[in-house]
Amino acid sequence: MGTIKGKKKHERLEYVVICREYNRMAARIEISVIDSGVTDDLLKKLIRLRHIDTHRRYFLTTKKYYQKYGAIMKKQVETMSFQGNRYIAELGAESDKERKTENERNKN
């Protein structure tokens, strides 16, 4: 196999999950990071948790970009301001949009 700029062609990307949780007892937002062991199974479970507790939100980025822009990303997650950042995605956000349009269709 050939290499592209020092990397293998089919090298699997490593991901980081940034967790945003509103702590009701302390009345503040807590940010934590999962930077190892991020698997498809873990992502599915986090999406389910997000739908159960709306005070929890999870965001996915690559480890490469987190190492470079981690402090900025954590601040963006805390303030929910992502203008110009295409390297971070919210887990479960698409299914929320689908549910909203489905509920609107059912009302009519």
PDB file of N, CA and C in Angstrom:
ATOM      1  N   MET A   1       0.821  -1.184   0.000  1.00  0.00           N
ATOM      2  CA  MET A   1       0.000   0.000   0.000  1.00  0.00           C
ATOM      3  C   MET A   1       0.863   1.245   0.000  1.00  0.00           C
ATOM      4  N   GLY A   2       0.420   2.225  -0.763  1.00  0.00           N
ATOM      5  CA  GLY A   2       1.140   3.487  -0.815  1.00  0.00           C
ATOM      6  C   GLY A   2       0.820   4.345   0.396  1.00  0.00           C
ATOM      7  N   THR A   3       1.557   5.416   0.487  1.00  0.00           N
ATOM      8  CA  THR A   3       1.296   6.335   1.587  1.00  0.00           C
ATOM      9  C   THR A   3       0.933   7.704   1.043  1.00  0.00           C
ATOM     10  N   ILE A   4       0.193   8.445   1.821  1.00  0.00           N
ATOM     11  CA  ILE A   4      -0.181   9.811   1.477  1.00  0.00           C
ATOM     12  C   ILE A   4       0.396  10.716   2.547  1.00  0.00           C
ATOM     13  N   LYS A   5       1.393  11.503   2.179  1.00  0.00           N
ATOM     14  CA  LYS A   5       2.035  12.434   3.112  1.00  0.00           C
ATOM     15  C   LYS A   5       2.405  11.756   4.435  1.00  0.00           C
ATOM     16  N   GLY A   6       3.034  10.602   4.352  1.00  0.00           N
ATOM     17  CA  GLY A   6       3.522   9.927   5.547  1.00  0.00           C
ATOM     18  C   GLY A   6       2.490   9.081   6.272  1.00  0.00           C
ATOM     19  N   LYS A   7       1.293   8.939   5.719  1.00  0.00           N
ATOM     20  CA  LYS A   7       0.263   8.134   6.377  1.00  0.00           C
ATOM     21  C   LYS A   7      -0.184   7.013   5.442  1.00  0.00           C
ATOM     22  N   LYS A   8      -0.649   5.948   6.020  1.00  0.00           N
ATOM     23  CA  LYS A   8      -1.201   4.856   5.231  1.00  0.00           C
ATOM     24  C   LYS A   8      -2.526   5.303   4.626  1.00  0.00           C
ATOM     25  N   LYS A   9      -2.857   4.760   3.466  1.00  0.00           N
ATOM     26  CA  LYS A   9      -4.081   5.160   2.772  1.00  0.00           C
ATOM     27  C   LYS A   9      -5.340   4.883   3.589  1.00  0.00           C
ATOM     28  N   HIS A  10      -5.395   3.749   4.225  1.00  0.00           N
ATOM     29  CA  HIS A  10      -6.622   3.341   4.917  1.00  0.00           C
ATOM     30  C   HIS A  10      -6.465   3.390   6.431  1.00  0.00           C
ATOM     31  N   GLU A  11      -5.694   4.338   6.913  1.00  0.00           N
ATOM     32  CA  GLU A  11      -5.515   4.487   8.350  1.00  0.00           C
ATOM     33  C   GLU A  11      -6.814   5.002   8.971  1.00  0.00           C
ATOM     34  N   ARG A  12      -7.247   4.357  10.020  1.00  0.00           N
ATOM     35  CA  ARG A  12      -8.496   4.731  10.676  1.00  0.00           C
ATOM     36  C   ARG A  12      -8.288   5.973  11.543  1.00  0.00           C
ATOM     37  N   LEU A  13      -9.196   6.922  11.410  1.00  0.00           N
ATOM     38  CA  LEU A  13      -9.119   8.136  12.214  1.00  0.00           C
ATOM     39  C   LEU A  13      -9.452   7.843  13.675  1.00  0.00           C
ATOM     40  N   GLU A  14      -8.825   8.558  14.561  1.00  0.00           N
ATOM     41  CA  GLU A  14      -9.153   8.459  15.979  1.00  0.00           C
ATOM     42  C   GLU A  14     -10.019   9.661  16.336  1.00  0.00           C
ATOM     43  N   TYR A  15     -11.028   9.417  17.179  1.00  0.00           N
ATOM     44  CA  TYR A  15     -11.995  10.460  17.506  1.00  0.00           C
ATOM     45  C   TYR A  15     -11.961  10.828  18.982  1.00  0.00           C
ATOM     46  N   VAL A  16     -12.482  12.012  19.262  1.00  0.00           N
ATOM     47  CA  VAL A  16     -12.619  12.531  20.621  1.00  0.00           C
ATOM     48  C   VAL A  16     -14.065  12.982  20.779  1.00  0.00           C
ATOM     49  N   VAL A  17     -14.661  12.693  21.935  1.00  0.00           N
ATOM     50  CA  VAL A  17     -16.013  13.155  22.238  1.00  0.00           C
ATOM     51  C   VAL A  17     -15.912  14.211  23.334  1.00  0.00           C
ATOM     52  N   ILE A  18     -16.522  15.364  23.073  1.00  0.00           N
ATOM     53  CA  ILE A  18     -16.590  16.425  24.077  1.00  0.00           C
ATOM     54  C   ILE A  18     -18.006  16.389  24.646  1.00  0.00           C
ATOM     55  N   CYS A  19     -18.117  16.236  25.952  1.00  0.00           N
ATOM     56  CA  CYS A  19     -19.406  16.090  26.617  1.00  0.00           C
ATOM     57  C   CYS A  19     -19.776  17.404  27.306  1.00  0.00           C
ATOM     58  N   ARG A  20     -21.020  17.839  27.099  1.00  0.00           N
ATOM     59  CA  ARG A  20     -21.521  19.058  27.737  1.00  0.00           C
ATOM     60  C   ARG A  20     -22.744  18.666  28.559  1.00  0.00           C
ATOM     61  N   GLU A  21     -22.676  18.905  29.843  1.00  0.00           N
ATOM     62  CA  GLU A  21     -23.783  18.536  30.729  1.00  0.00           C
ATOM     63  C   GLU A  21     -24.128  19.702  31.642  1.00  0.00           C
ATOM     64  N   TYR A  22     -25.410  19.983  31.728  1.00  0.00           N
ATOM     65  CA  TYR A  22     -25.877  21.021  32.645  1.00  0.00           C
ATOM     66  C   TYR A  22     -26.119  20.373  33.997  1.00  0.00           C
ATOM     67  N   ASN A  23     -25.352  20.780  34.981  1.00  0.00           N
ATOM     68  CA  ASN A  23     -25.488  20.264  36.337  1.00  0.00           C
ATOM     69  C   ASN A  23     -26.537  21.108  37.055  1.00  0.00           C
ATOM     70  N   ARG A  24     -27.714  20.535  37.254  1.00  0.00           N
ATOM     71  CA  ARG A  24     -28.827  21.280  37.860  1.00  0.00           C
ATOM     72  C   ARG A  24     -28.556  21.648  39.315  1.00  0.00           C
ATOM     73  N   MET A  25     -27.905  20.753  40.025  1.00  0.00           N
ATOM     74  CA  MET A  25     -27.636  20.998  41.445  1.00  0.00           C
ATOM     75  C   MET A  25     -26.693  22.187  41.638  1.00  0.00           C
ATOM     76  N   ALA A  26     -25.646  22.259  40.839  1.00  0.00           N
ATOM     77  CA  ALA A  26     -24.677  23.347  40.960  1.00  0.00           C
ATOM     78  C   ALA A  26     -25.041  24.530  40.066  1.00  0.00           C
ATOM     79  N   ALA A  27     -26.037  24.356  39.203  1.00  0.00           N
ATOM     80  CA  ALA A  27     -26.484  25.389  38.261  1.00  0.00           C
ATOM     81  C   ALA A  27     -25.338  25.894  37.384  1.00  0.00           C
ATOM     82  N   ARG A  28     -24.596  24.926  36.807  1.00  0.00           N
ATOM     83  CA  ARG A  28     -23.514  25.303  35.909  1.00  0.00           C
ATOM     84  C   ARG A  28     -23.316  24.235  34.843  1.00  0.00           C
ATOM     85  N   ILE A  29     -22.587  24.590  33.820  1.00  0.00           N
ATOM     86  CA  ILE A  29     -22.307  23.680  32.713  1.00  0.00           C
ATOM     87  C   ILE A  29     -20.951  23.020  32.960  1.00  0.00           C
ATOM     88  N   GLU A  30     -20.916  21.701  32.806  1.00  0.00           N
ATOM     89  CA  GLU A  30     -19.672  20.960  32.987  1.00  0.00           C
ATOM     90  C   GLU A  30     -19.250  20.374  31.649  1.00  0.00           C
ATOM     91  N   ILE A  31     -17.967  20.479  31.340  1.00  0.00           N
ATOM     92  CA  ILE A  31     -17.411  19.967  30.094  1.00  0.00           C
ATOM     93  C   ILE A  31     -16.414  18.864  30.439  1.00  0.00           C
ATOM     94  N   SER A  32     -16.555  17.719  29.787  1.00  0.00           N
ATOM     95  CA  SER A  32     -15.585  16.642  29.961  1.00  0.00           C
ATOM     96  C   SER A  32     -15.239  16.078  28.586  1.00  0.00           C
ATOM     97  N   VAL A  33     -14.159  15.308  28.520  1.00  0.00           N
ATOM     98  CA  VAL A  33     -13.655  14.820  27.243  1.00  0.00           C
ATOM     99  C   VAL A  33     -13.398  13.322  27.333  1.00  0.00           C
ATOM    100  N   ILE A  34     -13.836  12.596  26.318  1.00  0.00           N
ATOM    101  CA  ILE A  34     -13.509  11.176  26.168  1.00  0.00           C
ATOM    102  C   ILE A  34     -12.536  11.114  24.999  1.00  0.00           C
ATOM    103  N   ASP A  35     -11.254  10.822  25.295  1.00  0.00           N
ATOM    104  CA  ASP A  35     -10.262  10.850  24.225  1.00  0.00           C
ATOM    105  C   ASP A  35      -9.661   9.490  23.889  1.00  0.00           C
ATOM    106  N   SER A  36     -10.174   8.433  24.499  1.00  0.00           N
ATOM    107  CA  SER A  36      -9.712   7.092  24.134  1.00  0.00           C
ATOM    108  C   SER A  36     -10.892   6.129  24.212  1.00  0.00           C
ATOM    109  N   GLY A  37     -10.839   5.109  23.403  1.00  0.00           N
ATOM    110  CA  GLY A  37     -11.898   4.111  23.410  1.00  0.00           C
ATOM    111  C   GLY A  37     -13.189   4.574  22.757  1.00  0.00           C
ATOM    112  N   VAL A  38     -13.112   5.539  21.843  1.00  0.00           N
ATOM    113  CA  VAL A  38     -14.306   6.019  21.148  1.00  0.00           C
ATOM    114  C   VAL A  38     -14.609   5.047  20.016  1.00  0.00           C
ATOM    115  N   THR A  39     -15.692   4.294  20.178  1.00  0.00           N
ATOM    116  CA  THR A  39     -16.092   3.290  19.198  1.00  0.00           C
ATOM    117  C   THR A  39     -17.496   3.601  18.684  1.00  0.00           C
ATOM    118  N   ASP A  40     -17.900   2.895  17.639  1.00  0.00           N
ATOM    119  CA  ASP A  40     -19.250   3.070  17.108  1.00  0.00           C
ATOM    120  C   ASP A  40     -20.297   2.749  18.165  1.00  0.00           C
ATOM    121  N   ASP A  41     -20.036   1.712  18.963  1.00  0.00           N
ATOM    122  CA  ASP A  41     -20.965   1.326  20.019  1.00  0.00           C
ATOM    123  C   ASP A  41     -21.116   2.440  21.061  1.00  0.00           C
ATOM    124  N   LEU A  42     -20.005   3.042  21.456  1.00  0.00           N
ATOM    125  CA  LEU A  42     -20.049   4.146  22.418  1.00  0.00           C
ATOM    126  C   LEU A  42     -20.841   5.320  21.850  1.00  0.00           C
ATOM    127  N   LEU A  43     -20.631   5.649  20.579  1.00  0.00           N
ATOM    128  CA  LEU A  43     -21.345   6.763  19.961  1.00  0.00           C
ATOM    129  C   LEU A  43     -22.852   6.511  19.950  1.00  0.00           C
ATOM    130  N   LYS A  44     -23.263   5.286  19.635  1.00  0.00           N
ATOM    131  CA  LYS A  44     -24.692   4.948  19.639  1.00  0.00           C
ATOM    132  C   LYS A  44     -25.288   5.102  21.040  1.00  0.00           C
ATOM    133  N   LYS A  45     -24.539   4.671  22.054  1.00  0.00           N
ATOM    134  CA  LYS A  45     -25.025   4.785  23.436  1.00  0.00           C
ATOM    135  C   LYS A  45     -25.130   6.246  23.868  1.00  0.00           C
ATOM    136  N   LEU A  46     -24.172   7.070  23.458  1.00  0.00           N
ATOM    137  CA  LEU A  46     -24.216   8.492  23.806  1.00  0.00           C
ATOM    138  C   LEU A  46     -25.401   9.187  23.132  1.00  0.00           C
ATOM    139  N   ILE A  47     -25.707   8.794  21.906  1.00  0.00           N
ATOM    140  CA  ILE A  47     -26.870   9.367  21.214  1.00  0.00           C
ATOM    141  C   ILE A  47     -28.143   9.003  21.961  1.00  0.00           C
ATOM    142  N   ARG A  48     -28.241   7.753  22.413  1.00  0.00           N
ATOM    143  CA  ARG A  48     -29.413   7.343  23.196  1.00  0.00           C
ATOM    144  C   ARG A  48     -29.509   8.132  24.499  1.00  0.00           C
ATOM    145  N   LEU A  49     -28.386   8.305  25.190  1.00  0.00           N
ATOM    146  CA  LEU A  49     -28.373   9.077  26.434  1.00  0.00           C
ATOM    147  C   LEU A  49     -28.816  10.514  26.198  1.00  0.00           C
ATOM    148  N   ARG A  50     -28.396  11.078  25.086  1.00  0.00           N
ATOM    149  CA  ARG A  50     -28.762  12.452  24.755  1.00  0.00           C
ATOM    150  C   ARG A  50     -30.267  12.596  24.593  1.00  0.00           C
ATOM    151  N   HIS A  51     -30.910  11.582  24.034  1.00  0.00           N
ATOM    152  CA  HIS A  51     -32.356  11.642  23.839  1.00  0.00           C
ATOM    153  C   HIS A  51     -33.123  11.403  25.137  1.00  0.00           C
ATOM    154  N   ILE A  52     -32.519  10.698  26.063  1.00  0.00           N
ATOM    155  CA  ILE A  52     -33.156  10.457  27.357  1.00  0.00           C
ATOM    156  C   ILE A  52     -33.054  11.696  28.246  1.00  0.00           C
ATOM    157  N   ASP A  53     -31.859  12.296  28.302  1.00  0.00           N
ATOM    158  CA  ASP A  53     -31.629  13.472  29.134  1.00  0.00           C
ATOM    159  C   ASP A  53     -31.194  14.626  28.237  1.00  0.00           C
ATOM    160  N   THR A  54     -32.075  15.576  28.026  1.00  0.00           N
ATOM    161  CA  THR A  54     -31.795  16.682  27.108  1.00  0.00           C
ATOM    162  C   THR A  54     -30.769  17.665  27.654  1.00  0.00           C
ATOM    163  N   HIS A  55     -30.375  17.518  28.907  1.00  0.00           N
ATOM    164  CA  HIS A  55     -29.351  18.386  29.474  1.00  0.00           C
ATOM    165  C   HIS A  55     -27.943  17.903  29.144  1.00  0.00           C
ATOM    166  N   ARG A  56     -27.847  16.762  28.469  1.00  0.00           N
ATOM    167  CA  ARG A  56     -26.554  16.222  28.052  1.00  0.00           C
ATOM    168  C   ARG A  56     -26.428  16.350  26.539  1.00  0.00           C
ATOM    169  N   ARG A  57     -25.287  16.860  26.082  1.00  0.00           N
ATOM    170  CA  ARG A  57     -25.027  16.989  24.654  1.00  0.00           C
ATOM    171  C   ARG A  57     -23.619  16.460  24.401  1.00  0.00           C
ATOM    172  N   TYR A  58     -23.438  15.816  23.271  1.00  0.00           N
ATOM    173  CA  TYR A  58     -22.154  15.207  22.943  1.00  0.00           C
ATOM    174  C   TYR A  58     -21.717  15.663  21.558  1.00  0.00           C
ATOM    175  N   PHE A  59     -20.424  15.961  21.425  1.00  0.00           N
ATOM    176  CA  PHE A  59     -19.868  16.489  20.192  1.00  0.00           C
ATOM    177  C   PHE A  59     -18.662  15.652  19.785  1.00  0.00           C
ATOM    178  N   LEU A  60     -18.531  15.416  18.492  1.00  0.00           N
ATOM    179  CA  LEU A  60     -17.488  14.550  17.959  1.00  0.00           C
ATOM    180  C   LEU A  60     -16.525  15.347  17.100  1.00  0.00           C
ATOM    181  N   THR A  61     -15.240  15.077  17.266  1.00  0.00           N
ATOM    182  CA  THR A  61     -14.201  15.663  16.421  1.00  0.00           C
ATOM    183  C   THR A  61     -13.070  14.646  16.307  1.00  0.00           C
ATOM    184  N   THR A  62     -12.142  14.903  15.422  1.00  0.00           N
ATOM    185  CA  THR A  62     -10.999  13.996  15.303  1.00  0.00           C
ATOM    186  C   THR A  62      -9.951  14.361  16.352  1.00  0.00           C
ATOM    187  N   LYS A  63      -9.172  13.370  16.717  1.00  0.00           N
ATOM    188  CA  LYS A  63      -8.132  13.590  17.721  1.00  0.00           C
ATOM    189  C   LYS A  63      -7.108  14.615  17.213  1.00  0.00           C
ATOM    190  N   LYS A  64      -6.843  14.584  15.918  1.00  0.00           N
ATOM    191  CA  LYS A  64      -5.887  15.512  15.315  1.00  0.00           C
ATOM    192  C   LYS A  64      -6.323  16.968  15.541  1.00  0.00           C
ATOM    193  N   TYR A  65      -7.582  17.274  15.258  1.00  0.00           N
ATOM    194  CA  TYR A  65      -8.066  18.641  15.433  1.00  0.00           C
ATOM    195  C   TYR A  65      -8.238  18.998  16.904  1.00  0.00           C
ATOM    196  N   TYR A  66      -8.588  18.029  17.735  1.00  0.00           N
ATOM    197  CA  TYR A  66      -8.724  18.305  19.161  1.00  0.00           C
ATOM    198  C   TYR A  66      -7.372  18.668  19.772  1.00  0.00           C
ATOM    199  N   GLN A  67      -6.319  17.957  19.355  1.00  0.00           N
ATOM    200  CA  GLN A  67      -4.990  18.262  19.879  1.00  0.00           C
ATOM    201  C   GLN A  67      -4.567  19.676  19.505  1.00  0.00           C
ATOM    202  N   LYS A  68      -5.003  20.129  18.345  1.00  0.00           N
ATOM    203  CA  LYS A  68      -4.605  21.455  17.870  1.00  0.00           C
ATOM    204  C   LYS A  68      -5.510  22.564  18.421  1.00  0.00           C
ATOM    205  N   TYR A  69      -6.838  22.314  18.455  1.00  0.00           N
ATOM    206  CA  TYR A  69      -7.813  23.350  18.807  1.00  0.00           C
ATOM    207  C   TYR A  69      -8.679  22.984  20.016  1.00  0.00           C
ATOM    208  N   GLY A  70      -8.230  22.090  20.872  1.00  0.00           N
ATOM    209  CA  GLY A  70      -9.033  21.581  21.972  1.00  0.00           C
ATOM    210  C   GLY A  70      -9.605  22.643  22.895  1.00  0.00           C
ATOM    211  N   ALA A  71      -8.803  23.605  23.288  1.00  0.00           N
ATOM    212  CA  ALA A  71      -9.273  24.647  24.215  1.00  0.00           C
ATOM    213  C   ALA A  71     -10.370  25.484  23.566  1.00  0.00           C
ATOM    214  N   ILE A  72     -10.195  25.793  22.289  1.00  0.00           N
ATOM    215  CA  ILE A  72     -11.209  26.575  21.568  1.00  0.00           C
ATOM    216  C   ILE A  72     -12.496  25.769  21.434  1.00  0.00           C
ATOM    217  N   MET A  73     -12.370  24.485  21.091  1.00  0.00           N
ATOM    218  CA  MET A  73     -13.548  23.632  20.929  1.00  0.00           C
ATOM    219  C   MET A  73     -14.323  23.501  22.234  1.00  0.00           C
ATOM    220  N   LYS A  74     -13.620  23.342  23.347  1.00  0.00           N
ATOM    221  CA  LYS A  74     -14.298  23.228  24.643  1.00  0.00           C
ATOM    222  C   LYS A  74     -15.068  24.501  24.970  1.00  0.00           C
ATOM    223  N   LYS A  75     -14.485  25.642  24.650  1.00  0.00           N
ATOM    224  CA  LYS A  75     -15.164  26.919  24.895  1.00  0.00           C
ATOM    225  C   LYS A  75     -16.385  27.051  23.989  1.00  0.00           C
ATOM    226  N   GLN A  76     -16.265  26.607  22.730  1.00  0.00           N
ATOM    227  CA  GLN A  76     -17.394  26.656  21.805  1.00  0.00           C
ATOM    228  C   GLN A  76     -18.526  25.749  22.269  1.00  0.00           C
ATOM    229  N   VAL A  77     -18.192  24.575  22.787  1.00  0.00           N
ATOM    230  CA  VAL A  77     -19.210  23.653  23.294  1.00  0.00           C
ATOM    231  C   VAL A  77     -19.889  24.260  24.516  1.00  0.00           C
ATOM    232  N   GLU A  78     -19.111  24.885  25.377  1.00  0.00           N
ATOM    233  CA  GLU A  78     -19.682  25.494  26.578  1.00  0.00           C
ATOM    234  C   GLU A  78     -20.672  26.606  26.222  1.00  0.00           C
ATOM    235  N   THR A  79     -20.311  27.435  25.253  1.00  0.00           N
ATOM    236  CA  THR A  79     -21.157  28.573  24.881  1.00  0.00           C
ATOM    237  C   THR A  79     -22.120  28.258  23.744  1.00  0.00           C
ATOM    238  N   MET A  80     -21.989  27.067  23.154  1.00  0.00           N
ATOM    239  CA  MET A  80     -22.827  26.623  22.017  1.00  0.00           C
ATOM    240  C   MET A  80     -22.726  27.609  20.844  1.00  0.00           C
ATOM    241  N   SER A  81     -21.529  28.075  20.561  1.00  0.00           N
ATOM    242  CA  SER A  81     -21.302  28.976  19.429  1.00  0.00           C
ATOM    243  C   SER A  81     -20.265  28.332  18.502  1.00  0.00           C
ATOM    244  N   PHE A  82     -20.753  27.813  17.373  1.00  0.00           N
ATOM    245  CA  PHE A  82     -19.899  27.044  16.469  1.00  0.00           C
ATOM    246  C   PHE A  82     -19.668  27.716  15.121  1.00  0.00           C
ATOM    247  N   GLN A  83     -19.890  29.003  14.998  1.00  0.00           N
ATOM    248  CA  GLN A  83     -19.708  29.679  13.721  1.00  0.00           C
ATOM    249  C   GLN A  83     -18.298  29.456  13.199  1.00  0.00           C
ATOM    250  N   GLY A  84     -18.227  28.992  11.963  1.00  0.00           N
ATOM    251  CA  GLY A  84     -16.948  28.810  11.304  1.00  0.00           C
ATOM    252  C   GLY A  84     -16.200  27.554  11.680  1.00  0.00           C
ATOM    253  N   ASN A  85     -16.742  26.719  12.536  1.00  0.00           N
ATOM    254  CA  ASN A  85     -16.050  25.491  12.927  1.00  0.00           C
ATOM    255  C   ASN A  85     -16.722  24.299  12.265  1.00  0.00           C
ATOM    256  N   ARG A  86     -16.095  23.795  11.233  1.00  0.00           N
ATOM    257  CA  ARG A  86     -16.662  22.640  10.531  1.00  0.00           C
ATOM    258  C   ARG A  86     -16.038  21.328  10.988  1.00  0.00           C
ATOM    259  N   TYR A  87     -15.202  21.384  12.005  1.00  0.00           N
ATOM    260  CA  TYR A  87     -14.510  20.193  12.477  1.00  0.00           C
ATOM    261  C   TYR A  87     -15.158  19.565  13.710  1.00  0.00           C
ATOM    262  N   ILE A  88     -16.350  19.999  14.063  1.00  0.00           N
ATOM    263  CA  ILE A  88     -17.033  19.452  15.227  1.00  0.00           C
ATOM    264  C   ILE A  88     -18.490  19.188  14.842  1.00  0.00           C
ATOM    265  N   ALA A  89     -19.009  18.043  15.285  1.00  0.00           N
ATOM    266  CA  ALA A  89     -20.393  17.683  14.960  1.00  0.00           C
ATOM    267  C   ALA A  89     -21.099  17.217  16.225  1.00  0.00           C
ATOM    268  N   GLU A  90     -22.357  17.607  16.359  1.00  0.00           N
ATOM    269  CA  GLU A  90     -23.139  17.188  17.519  1.00  0.00           C
ATOM    270  C   GLU A  90     -23.746  15.816  17.262  1.00  0.00           C
ATOM    271  N   LEU A  91     -23.580  14.920  18.221  1.00  0.00           N
ATOM    272  CA  LEU A  91     -24.153  13.580  18.100  1.00  0.00           C
ATOM    273  C   LEU A  91     -25.660  13.645  18.328  1.00  0.00           C
ATOM    274  N   GLY A  92     -26.422  13.037  17.448  1.00  0.00           N
ATOM    275  CA  GLY A  92     -27.871  12.965  17.609  1.00  0.00           C
ATOM    276  C   GLY A  92     -28.619  14.173  17.111  1.00  0.00           C
ATOM    277  N   ALA A  93     -27.938  15.172  16.603  1.00  0.00           N
ATOM    278  CA  ALA A  93     -28.612  16.396  16.152  1.00  0.00           C
ATOM    279  C   ALA A  93     -29.477  16.134  14.922  1.00  0.00           C
ATOM    280  N   GLU A  94     -29.027  15.295  14.011  1.00  0.00           N
ATOM    281  CA  GLU A  94     -29.798  14.998  12.804  1.00  0.00           C
ATOM    282  C   GLU A  94     -31.095  14.262  13.146  1.00  0.00           C
ATOM    283  N   SER A  95     -31.020  13.329  14.086  1.00  0.00           N
ATOM    284  CA  SER A  95     -32.234  12.605  14.456  1.00  0.00           C
ATOM    285  C   SER A  95     -33.230  13.522  15.152  1.00  0.00           C
ATOM    286  N   ASP A  96     -32.745  14.578  15.844  1.00  0.00           N
ATOM    287  CA  ASP A  96     -33.643  15.572  16.440  1.00  0.00           C
ATOM    288  C   ASP A  96     -34.405  16.315  15.351  1.00  0.00           C
ATOM    289  N   LYS A  97     -33.716  16.689  14.282  1.00  0.00           N
ATOM    290  CA  LYS A  97     -34.361  17.397  13.173  1.00  0.00           C
ATOM    291  C   LYS A  97     -35.403  16.503  12.510  1.00  0.00           C
ATOM    292  N   GLU A  98     -35.058  15.219  12.329  1.00  0.00           N
ATOM    293  CA  GLU A  98     -35.994  14.275  11.718  1.00  0.00           C
ATOM    294  C   GLU A  98     -37.243  14.116  12.581  1.00  0.00           C
ATOM    295  N   ARG A  99     -37.059  14.000  13.893  1.00  0.00           N
ATOM    296  CA  ARG A  99     -38.207  13.873  14.802  1.00  0.00           C
ATOM    297  C   ARG A  99     -39.096  15.103  14.754  1.00  0.00           C
ATOM    298  N   LYS A 100     -38.483  16.279  14.695  1.00  0.00           N
ATOM    299  CA  LYS A 100     -39.242  17.520  14.669  1.00  0.00           C
ATOM    300  C   LYS A 100     -40.105  17.597  13.410  1.00  0.00           C
ATOM    301  N   THR A 101     -39.529  17.262  12.253  1.00  0.00           N
ATOM    302  CA  THR A 101     -40.309  17.326  11.005  1.00  0.00           C
ATOM    303  C   THR A 101     -41.380  16.236  10.996  1.00  0.00           C
ATOM    304  N   GLU A 102     -41.089  15.079  11.566  1.00  0.00           N
ATOM    305  CA  GLU A 102     -42.081  14.001  11.635  1.00  0.00           C
ATOM    306  C   GLU A 102     -43.251  14.418  12.532  1.00  0.00           C
ATOM    307  N   ASN A 103     -42.958  15.048  13.666  1.00  0.00           N
ATOM    308  CA  ASN A 103     -44.011  15.514  14.579  1.00  0.00           C
ATOM    309  C   ASN A 103     -44.856  16.598  13.930  1.00  0.00           C
ATOM    310  N   GLU A 104     -44.220  17.475  13.151  1.00  0.00           N
ATOM    311  CA  GLU A 104     -44.981  18.522  12.453  1.00  0.00           C
ATOM    312  C   GLU A 104     -45.910  17.917  11.397  1.00  0.00           C
ATOM    313  N   ARG A 105     -45.438  16.868  10.715  1.00  0.00           N
ATOM    314  CA  ARG A 105     -46.279  16.184   9.720  1.00  0.00           C
ATOM    315  C   ARG A 105     -47.472  15.506  10.381  1.00  0.00           C
ATOM    316  N   ASN A 106     -47.241  14.926  11.558  1.00  0.00           N
ATOM    317  CA  ASN A 106     -48.306  14.215  12.258  1.00  0.00           C
ATOM    318  C   ASN A 106     -49.388  15.165  12.783  1.00  0.00           C
ATOM    319  N   LYS A 107     -49.005  16.416  13.076  1.00  0.00           N
ATOM    320  CA  LYS A 107     -49.982  17.407  13.563  1.00  0.00           C
ATOM    321  C   LYS A 107     -50.974  17.765  12.470  1.00  0.00           C
ATOM    322  N   ASN A 108     -50.509  17.774  11.231  1.00  0.00           N
ATOM    323  CA  ASN A 108     -51.375  18.201  10.110  1.00  0.00           C
ATOM    324  C   ASN A 108     -52.245  17.107   9.625  1.00  0.00           C
TER     325      ASN A 108
END
